[in-house]
Amino acid sequence: MPDKPVKPGDSWNTADSSTLKTATMTQTTITNSINKLEGIETIDGVECAKILKDGTGTFIMSLQTQGMDISIRGPFTRTSECLVAVKEGQLVSQTSSMKVTGNLDIASMGMTMPITIQIKDGTTIK
């Protein structure tokens, strides 16, 4: 969220990183985004801020499968649309699309190959 009040049409920049870990995988994304308050909409009787995000960054994943260490690394682009309840300050819904273009490395086999990953997701809070 912006660090000062904004009105429809205003933009602000954010930088963020996140790491997801499981027993066999670690995934890190480092993101720089331009966010824009597109407007205010009423969704199911709730006044919501519509926020559009365009981001770029770095995607890093290390995993182990079938006894092999595999890593994927590369730049990505992401677009998102978020609806946030104005009074409550809570996320109502979010959709995003992310495209990673990078390399997949299997060090034990001396293999490196180009890879493209397309991720689309959506979340609705009820």
Protein backbone atom coordinates (compact mmCIF):
# COMPACT_ATOMS: atom_id res chain seq x y z
CA MET A 1 0.00 0.00 0.00
CA PRO A 2 1.18 3.58 -0.54
CA ASP A 3 2.77 5.45 2.37
CA LYS A 4 0.56 8.52 1.77
CA PRO A 5 -3.04 9.11 0.66
CA VAL A 6 -3.68 8.63 -3.07
CA LYS A 7 -6.54 9.42 -5.42
CA PRO A 8 -7.65 7.67 -8.62
CA GLY A 9 -4.93 7.96 -11.26
CA ASP A 10 -2.06 8.23 -8.74
CA SER A 11 0.89 5.82 -8.93
CA TRP A 12 3.56 4.70 -6.46
CA ASN A 13 6.52 2.33 -6.50
CA THR A 14 7.11 -0.65 -4.23
CA ALA A 15 9.95 -3.13 -3.75
CA ASP A 16 9.32 -6.50 -2.15
CA SER A 17 10.75 -9.97 -1.77
CA SER A 18 9.23 -13.25 -0.65
CA THR A 19 10.53 -16.73 0.03
CA LEU A 20 8.53 -19.95 0.05
CA LYS A 21 10.13 -23.09 1.51
CA THR A 22 9.10 -26.74 1.57
CA ALA A 23 11.09 -29.85 2.47
CA THR A 24 12.48 -30.11 -1.08
CA MET A 25 12.11 -26.62 -2.56
CA THR A 26 12.97 -22.98 -1.93
CA GLN A 27 11.50 -20.23 -4.13
CA THR A 28 12.41 -16.55 -3.86
CA THR A 29 11.00 -13.63 -5.81
CA ILE A 30 12.43 -10.12 -5.70
CA THR A 31 9.98 -7.61 -7.19
CA ASN A 32 9.88 -3.93 -8.12
CA SER A 33 6.38 -2.73 -8.99
CA ILE A 34 4.59 0.35 -10.24
CA ASN A 35 1.16 0.47 -8.62
CA LYS A 36 -1.76 2.59 -9.78
CA LEU A 37 -5.05 3.37 -8.06
CA GLU A 38 -7.30 2.84 -11.06
CA GLY A 39 -10.48 3.88 -9.27
CA ILE A 40 -13.13 3.04 -6.69
CA GLU A 41 -15.74 0.35 -7.47
CA THR A 42 -18.63 -1.13 -5.52
CA ILE A 43 -18.43 -4.93 -5.43
CA ASP A 44 -21.31 -6.78 -3.73
CA GLY A 45 -22.15 -3.60 -1.79
CA VAL A 46 -18.54 -3.05 -0.64
CA GLU A 47 -16.60 0.06 -1.74
CA CYS A 48 -13.29 -1.22 -3.14
CA ALA A 49 -10.10 0.39 -4.41
CA LYS A 50 -9.02 -1.13 -7.74
CA ILE A 51 -5.21 -1.26 -7.83
CA LEU A 52 -3.25 -2.28 -10.93
CA LYS A 53 0.36 -3.45 -10.57
CA ASP A 54 3.08 -3.88 -13.20
CA GLY A 55 6.22 -5.49 -11.87
CA THR A 56 9.58 -6.88 -12.86
CA GLY A 57 12.08 -8.81 -10.85
CA THR A 58 14.12 -11.94 -10.29
CA PHE A 59 12.80 -15.48 -9.77
CA ILE A 60 15.04 -18.03 -8.03
CA MET A 61 14.03 -21.63 -7.31
CA SER A 62 16.09 -24.53 -5.96
CA LEU A 63 14.57 -27.97 -5.66
CA GLN A 64 15.50 -31.58 -5.30
CA THR A 65 13.70 -34.28 -7.23
CA GLN A 66 14.65 -37.88 -7.99
CA GLY A 67 18.00 -37.30 -6.26
CA MET A 68 18.94 -34.34 -8.47
CA ASP A 69 19.47 -30.73 -7.45
CA ILE A 70 17.69 -28.46 -9.92
CA SER A 71 17.77 -24.67 -10.01
CA ILE A 72 15.73 -22.21 -12.03
CA ARG A 73 16.70 -18.56 -12.20
CA GLY A 74 15.69 -15.67 -14.39
CA PRO A 75 13.94 -12.34 -14.77
CA PHE A 76 10.16 -12.09 -14.70
CA THR A 77 7.34 -9.72 -15.49
CA ARG A 78 4.07 -9.67 -13.55
CA THR A 79 0.75 -7.87 -13.86
CA SER A 80 -1.86 -7.89 -11.10
CA GLU A 81 -5.25 -6.44 -10.31
CA CYS A 82 -6.27 -6.10 -6.66
CA LEU A 83 -9.55 -5.05 -5.10
CA VAL A 84 -9.17 -3.76 -1.53
CA ALA A 85 -12.14 -2.90 0.72
CA VAL A 86 -11.65 0.81 1.44
CA LYS A 87 -13.19 0.97 4.95
CA GLU A 88 -11.76 -2.34 6.17
CA GLY A 89 -8.40 -2.10 4.42
CA GLN A 90 -8.68 -5.80 3.52
CA LEU A 91 -7.97 -7.62 0.28
CA VAL A 92 -11.20 -8.67 -1.47
CA SER A 93 -9.69 -10.29 -4.57
CA GLN A 94 -6.52 -10.46 -6.62
CA THR A 95 -5.61 -11.85 -10.02
CA SER A 96 -2.11 -11.97 -11.45
CA SER A 97 -0.10 -13.25 -14.37
CA MET A 98 3.65 -13.82 -14.21
CA LYS A 99 6.10 -14.88 -16.92
CA VAL A 100 9.60 -16.10 -16.06
CA THR A 101 12.25 -16.46 -18.77
CA GLY A 102 15.46 -17.96 -17.51
CA ASN A 103 17.56 -21.07 -17.23
CA LEU A 104 17.01 -24.47 -15.67
CA ASP A 105 20.26 -25.98 -14.36
CA ILE A 106 20.92 -29.59 -13.39
CA ALA A 107 24.47 -29.23 -12.06
CA SER A 108 25.10 -32.97 -11.50
CA MET A 109 24.51 -33.61 -15.21
CA GLY A 110 26.22 -30.44 -16.42
CA MET A 111 22.98 -29.37 -18.11
CA THR A 112 21.62 -25.87 -18.60
CA MET A 113 18.59 -25.18 -20.73
CA PRO A 114 16.33 -22.19 -21.36
CA ILE A 115 12.95 -22.27 -19.68
CA THR A 116 9.78 -20.18 -19.79
CA ILE A 117 7.25 -20.43 -16.96
CA GLN A 118 3.79 -18.86 -17.12
CA ILE A 119 1.92 -18.58 -13.79
CA LYS A 120 -1.64 -17.29 -13.49
CA ASP A 121 -3.54 -17.15 -10.22
CA GLY A 122 -6.55 -15.66 -8.55
CA THR A 123 -7.67 -15.20 -4.95
CA THR A 124 -11.06 -14.19 -3.59
CA ILE A 125 -11.58 -13.56 0.13
CA LYS A 126 -15.08 -14.25 1.45
